[in-house]
Amino acid sequence: MIQIGLQGIPPFTGVAMRFGISGALLLGLARARGIRLGVSRRERRLWWVNGLLGFAVAYGAVYWAEQWVPSGLAAVLFAVYPLVVAILAHFFLTSERLHPREVFGILIGFGGTGVIFLEDFGALGGPQVAVGALVLLLSPLASGCATVTVKRWGRGIHPFSIAAVPMLIASGATAILALILERDAGITWNRASILALLYLSVVGSALTFSLYFWLLSQLPAKRLALIAYVIPIIAVGIGVLRGEPFTPLMLTGSALVIFGVALAST
């Protein structure tokens, strides 16, 4: 969906619009429900950490890199996220020490993601793809740091607060980048770009991150991060429904992902 949006909207402009819409939507819902925001210094500090790392850096890197990086490679690179969260949680969250079984399961899930998109790697080539891949690695690193920070210091803070205001901070930060780097880039408003922006804003951000941060308050961070391995399987399923072939590599990779997630979460 990000790549569809990039066909009409430049990357940093797209991030700014996406999180501006989703942040405003959640902020309106919070006020309508009478949820008080920013009542403590700890909460306000989390806004900046999550806004800059979890949204601005993480999604700015993804949007910019996916101008050249194939979606399959992007999925494999972001699959580093569960491993980053698990390692950080081991050192900074006393209740989430890693066990060898969990490490083994995470690595199997990562390998399964690679197998699913193995055929896509034939599309690689050129220095822009290599640079884009390196930049995209910033996304799981920044997201992992933000997730563990929110898990450690976000106790008792409403998910709307952890999502809404940081999204608006990210929107402002990426809007500044867009004004500097994309001043001469035009925006093509068509049905595909508008629908992609609305979907990513409402479903892919406002709804998804509200649920994610609520779940983060209930579940171990290292276990919730395994959701990154489920996304490729969903993508494969959607592709099959659209008439794309379901290859033996996809079947093998999906089985590895499911086994790895089960092993790491039991």
Protein backbone atom coordinates (compact mmCIF):
# COMPACT_ATOMS: atom_id res chain seq x y z
CA MET A 1 0.00 0.00 0.00
CA ILE A 2 2.91 2.35 0.69
CA GLN A 3 4.29 1.78 -2.80
CA ILE A 4 0.88 2.56 -4.31
CA GLY A 5 0.83 5.85 -2.44
CA LEU A 6 4.37 6.67 -3.56
CA GLN A 7 3.21 6.65 -7.17
CA GLY A 8 1.42 9.94 -6.53
CA ILE A 9 2.82 11.41 -3.30
CA PRO A 10 6.54 11.98 -2.45
CA PRO A 11 7.79 9.96 0.55
CA PHE A 12 8.18 12.56 3.31
CA THR A 13 5.05 14.37 2.17
CA GLY A 14 3.20 11.05 2.37
CA VAL A 15 4.43 10.37 5.92
CA ALA A 16 3.46 13.88 7.03
CA MET A 17 -0.03 13.57 5.55
CA ARG A 18 -0.57 10.04 6.88
CA PHE A 19 0.31 10.81 10.48
CA GLY A 20 -1.27 14.26 10.38
CA ILE A 21 -4.62 12.69 9.50
CA SER A 22 -4.33 9.75 11.91
CA GLY A 23 -2.99 11.88 14.78
CA ALA A 24 -5.77 14.44 14.39
CA LEU A 25 -8.37 11.65 14.27
CA LEU A 26 -7.12 10.04 17.48
CA LEU A 27 -6.74 13.41 19.20
CA GLY A 28 -10.36 14.19 18.38
CA LEU A 29 -11.49 10.82 19.73
CA ALA A 30 -9.47 11.35 22.92
CA ARG A 31 -11.08 14.72 23.55
CA ALA A 32 -14.53 13.37 22.75
CA ARG A 33 -14.02 10.63 25.33
CA GLY A 34 -12.61 13.03 27.92
CA ILE A 35 -9.16 11.42 28.00
CA ARG A 36 -6.61 13.75 29.59
CA LEU A 37 -3.32 13.94 27.74
CA GLY A 38 0.13 15.05 28.88
CA VAL A 39 -0.61 15.02 32.62
CA SER A 40 2.93 13.97 33.55
CA ARG A 41 6.45 14.82 32.43
CA ARG A 42 7.08 11.13 31.75
CA GLU A 43 4.15 11.04 29.33
CA ARG A 44 5.34 14.14 27.50
CA ARG A 45 8.84 12.71 27.15
CA LEU A 46 7.43 9.52 25.66
CA TRP A 47 5.63 11.63 23.07
CA TRP A 48 8.93 12.88 21.68
CA VAL A 49 10.70 9.51 21.81
CA ASN A 50 7.85 7.69 20.10
CA GLY A 51 7.13 10.52 17.68
CA LEU A 52 10.69 10.92 16.45
CA LEU A 53 11.89 7.29 16.61
CA GLY A 54 8.75 5.18 16.32
CA PHE A 55 7.05 7.24 13.62
CA ALA A 56 9.25 9.90 11.98
CA VAL A 57 12.51 7.94 11.60
CA ALA A 58 10.92 4.49 11.24
CA TYR A 59 8.36 5.42 8.60
CA GLY A 60 10.41 8.14 6.95
CA ALA A 61 13.06 5.50 6.25
CA VAL A 62 10.48 3.00 4.93
CA TYR A 63 8.79 5.50 2.62
CA TRP A 64 12.05 6.86 1.25
CA ALA A 65 13.61 3.41 0.75
CA GLU A 66 10.58 1.84 -0.93
CA GLN A 67 11.05 4.13 -3.89
CA TRP A 68 13.70 1.59 -4.98
CA VAL A 69 13.58 -1.40 -2.61
CA PRO A 70 11.21 -4.23 -3.70
CA SER A 71 8.43 -4.99 -1.24
CA GLY A 72 9.78 -8.49 -0.60
CA LEU A 73 13.20 -7.22 0.45
CA ALA A 74 11.55 -4.52 2.56
CA ALA A 75 9.54 -7.19 4.42
CA VAL A 76 12.68 -9.25 5.08
CA LEU A 77 14.65 -6.24 6.31
CA PHE A 78 11.86 -5.14 8.66
CA ALA A 79 11.71 -8.70 10.00
CA VAL A 80 14.82 -7.71 11.99
CA TYR A 81 12.37 -5.85 14.28
CA PRO A 82 11.42 -8.79 16.57
CA LEU A 83 15.09 -9.60 17.11
CA VAL A 84 15.89 -5.95 17.94
CA VAL A 85 13.01 -5.78 20.42
CA ALA A 86 13.97 -9.11 22.02
CA ILE A 87 17.60 -8.06 22.51
CA LEU A 88 16.71 -4.62 23.90
CA ALA A 89 14.01 -6.11 26.15
CA HIS A 90 16.53 -8.63 27.52
CA PHE A 91 18.74 -5.80 28.79
CA PHE A 92 16.20 -3.09 29.68
CA LEU A 93 13.08 -4.99 30.78
CA THR A 94 13.78 -7.17 33.80
CA SER A 95 10.75 -9.41 33.20
CA GLU A 96 11.67 -10.21 29.59
CA ARG A 97 14.92 -12.14 29.72
CA LEU A 98 15.60 -14.12 26.58
CA HIS A 99 15.64 -17.91 26.55
CA PRO A 100 17.53 -19.90 23.88
CA ARG A 101 14.23 -21.32 22.60
CA GLU A 102 12.92 -17.82 21.94
CA VAL A 103 16.06 -16.79 20.08
CA PHE A 104 15.84 -19.94 17.97
CA GLY A 105 12.17 -19.29 17.19
CA ILE A 106 12.82 -15.66 16.22
CA LEU A 107 15.64 -16.69 13.88
CA ILE A 108 13.46 -19.37 12.28
CA GLY A 109 10.70 -16.81 11.73
CA PHE A 110 13.20 -14.42 10.16
CA GLY A 111 14.48 -17.18 7.89
CA GLY A 112 10.92 -18.09 6.90
CA THR A 113 10.23 -14.49 5.91
CA GLY A 114 13.30 -14.60 3.68
CA VAL A 115 12.14 -17.84 2.06
CA ILE A 116 8.68 -16.38 1.31
CA PHE A 117 10.19 -13.55 -0.69
CA LEU A 118 13.21 -15.40 -2.05
CA GLU A 119 11.99 -15.11 -5.62
CA ASP A 120 11.63 -11.33 -5.25
CA PHE A 121 15.36 -11.00 -4.69
CA GLY A 122 15.84 -11.44 -8.42
CA ALA A 123 14.55 -7.87 -8.77
CA LEU A 124 17.54 -6.52 -6.86
CA GLY A 125 20.14 -4.51 -8.64
CA GLY A 126 21.84 -1.17 -8.77
CA PRO A 127 23.38 1.05 -6.09
CA GLN A 128 20.06 2.73 -5.27
CA VAL A 129 18.61 -0.57 -4.03
CA ALA A 130 21.67 -1.17 -1.83
CA VAL A 131 21.51 2.33 -0.34
CA GLY A 132 17.75 2.03 0.12
CA ALA A 133 18.17 -1.29 1.93
CA LEU A 134 20.68 0.24 4.35
CA VAL A 135 18.38 3.19 5.03
CA LEU A 136 15.42 0.88 5.53
CA LEU A 137 17.28 -0.94 8.30
CA LEU A 138 16.91 2.25 10.34
CA SER A 139 13.20 1.48 10.57
CA PRO A 140 13.31 -1.73 12.68
CA LEU A 141 16.11 -0.28 14.81
CA ALA A 142 14.21 2.94 15.57
CA SER A 143 10.90 1.08 16.04
CA GLY A 144 12.52 -1.41 18.39
CA CYS A 145 14.01 1.35 20.56
CA ALA A 146 10.65 3.15 20.70
CA THR A 147 8.73 -0.02 21.55
CA VAL A 148 10.98 -0.95 24.47
CA THR A 149 10.97 2.65 25.74
CA VAL A 150 7.17 2.77 25.70
CA LYS A 151 6.98 -0.65 27.39
CA ARG A 152 9.32 0.41 30.19
CA TRP A 153 7.97 3.89 30.92
CA GLY A 154 4.47 3.86 29.42
CA ARG A 155 2.65 2.10 32.25
CA GLY A 156 -0.72 3.70 32.96
CA ILE A 157 -0.66 6.01 29.93
CA HIS A 158 -3.62 5.74 27.56
CA PRO A 159 -2.83 4.26 24.12
CA PHE A 160 -4.40 7.30 22.43
CA SER A 161 -1.83 9.50 24.14
CA ILE A 162 1.11 7.31 23.10
CA ALA A 163 -0.15 7.23 19.52
CA ALA A 164 -1.95 10.52 18.74
CA VAL A 165 0.49 13.19 19.86
CA PRO A 166 3.61 11.32 18.64
CA MET A 167 1.94 10.96 15.22
CA LEU A 168 1.44 14.73 15.09
CA ILE A 169 5.06 15.27 16.13
CA ALA A 170 6.17 12.91 13.34
CA SER A 171 3.91 14.72 10.91
CA GLY A 172 5.54 18.03 11.76
CA ALA A 173 9.08 16.64 11.56
CA THR A 174 8.56 14.98 8.18
CA ALA A 175 6.69 18.03 6.86
CA ILE A 176 9.84 20.07 7.49
CA LEU A 177 11.87 17.47 5.58
CA ALA A 178 9.33 17.59 2.77
CA LEU A 179 9.59 21.38 2.52
CA ILE A 180 13.38 21.11 2.28
CA LEU A 181 13.81 18.01 0.09
CA GLU A 182 10.56 17.77 -1.88
CA ARG A 183 9.81 21.39 -2.62
CA ASP A 184 9.81 20.81 -6.38
CA ALA A 185 8.16 17.39 -6.29
CA GLY A 186 4.60 17.40 -7.50
CA ILE A 187 1.66 15.51 -5.98
CA THR A 188 -0.56 13.48 -8.27
CA TRP A 189 -4.03 13.20 -6.79
CA ASN A 190 -5.72 10.15 -8.25
CA ARG A 191 -8.04 7.48 -6.94
CA ALA A 192 -5.19 5.09 -6.03
CA SER A 193 -3.09 7.64 -4.12
CA ILE A 194 -6.10 9.03 -2.22
CA LEU A 195 -7.38 5.59 -1.21
CA ALA A 196 -3.87 4.49 -0.18
CA LEU A 197 -3.44 7.61 1.97
CA LEU A 198 -6.83 7.18 3.65
CA TYR A 199 -6.29 3.47 4.29
CA LEU A 200 -2.82 4.00 5.75
CA SER A 201 -4.06 6.90 7.88
CA VAL A 202 -7.21 5.34 9.32
CA VAL A 203 -6.68 1.57 9.28
CA GLY A 204 -2.89 1.35 9.04
CA SER A 205 -2.20 4.00 11.69
CA ALA A 206 -5.07 5.24 13.88
CA LEU A 207 -6.67 1.84 14.40
CA THR A 208 -3.55 -0.31 14.23
CA PHE A 209 -1.36 1.68 16.62
CA SER A 210 -4.15 2.24 19.15
CA LEU A 211 -4.57 -1.53 19.36
CA TYR A 212 -0.82 -2.11 19.27
CA PHE A 213 -0.05 0.15 22.22
CA TRP A 214 -2.97 -1.28 24.18
CA LEU A 215 -1.63 -4.78 23.56
CA LEU A 216 1.86 -3.60 24.51
CA SER A 217 0.53 -2.74 27.96
CA GLN A 218 -0.86 -6.28 28.29
CA LEU A 219 1.77 -8.49 26.65
CA PRO A 220 5.58 -8.82 26.73
CA ALA A 221 7.20 -6.55 24.13
CA LYS A 222 9.27 -9.39 22.67
CA ARG A 223 6.14 -11.47 22.10
CA LEU A 224 4.07 -8.69 20.58
CA ALA A 225 6.93 -7.85 18.20
CA LEU A 226 6.45 -11.25 16.56
CA ILE A 227 3.50 -9.72 14.73
CA ALA A 228 6.07 -8.52 12.20
CA TYR A 229 6.31 -12.15 11.02
CA VAL A 230 2.57 -12.48 10.51
CA ILE A 231 2.38 -9.55 8.07
CA PRO A 232 4.21 -11.36 5.20
CA ILE A 233 1.84 -14.32 5.51
CA ILE A 234 -1.15 -11.97 5.28
CA ALA A 235 0.45 -10.32 2.25
CA VAL A 236 0.85 -13.73 0.59
CA GLY A 237 -2.79 -14.57 1.34
CA ILE A 238 -4.01 -11.31 -0.19
CA GLY A 239 -1.85 -11.97 -3.24
CA VAL A 240 -3.35 -15.42 -3.69
CA LEU A 241 -6.88 -13.97 -3.45
CA ARG A 242 -5.90 -11.54 -6.19
CA GLY A 243 -4.83 -14.40 -8.44
CA GLU A 244 -1.09 -14.46 -7.73
CA PRO A 245 0.55 -17.91 -7.68
CA PHE A 246 1.18 -19.70 -4.40
CA THR A 247 4.61 -21.28 -4.84
CA PRO A 248 6.31 -24.07 -2.86
CA LEU A 249 8.75 -21.46 -1.52
CA MET A 250 5.84 -19.45 -0.12
CA LEU A 251 4.41 -22.55 1.50
CA THR A 252 7.76 -23.51 3.02
CA GLY A 253 8.45 -19.98 4.23
CA SER A 254 4.99 -19.62 5.75
CA ALA A 255 5.38 -22.92 7.60
CA LEU A 256 8.75 -21.77 8.96
CA VAL A 257 7.27 -18.48 10.11
CA ILE A 258 4.38 -20.17 11.91
CA PHE A 259 6.71 -22.70 13.53
CA GLY A 260 9.16 -19.98 14.59
CA VAL A 261 6.45 -17.79 16.10
CA ALA A 262 4.95 -20.77 17.94
CA LEU A 263 8.34 -21.77 19.29
CA ALA A 264 9.20 -18.25 20.43
CA SER A 265 5.83 -17.57 22.08
CA THR A 266 5.18 -20.82 23.96
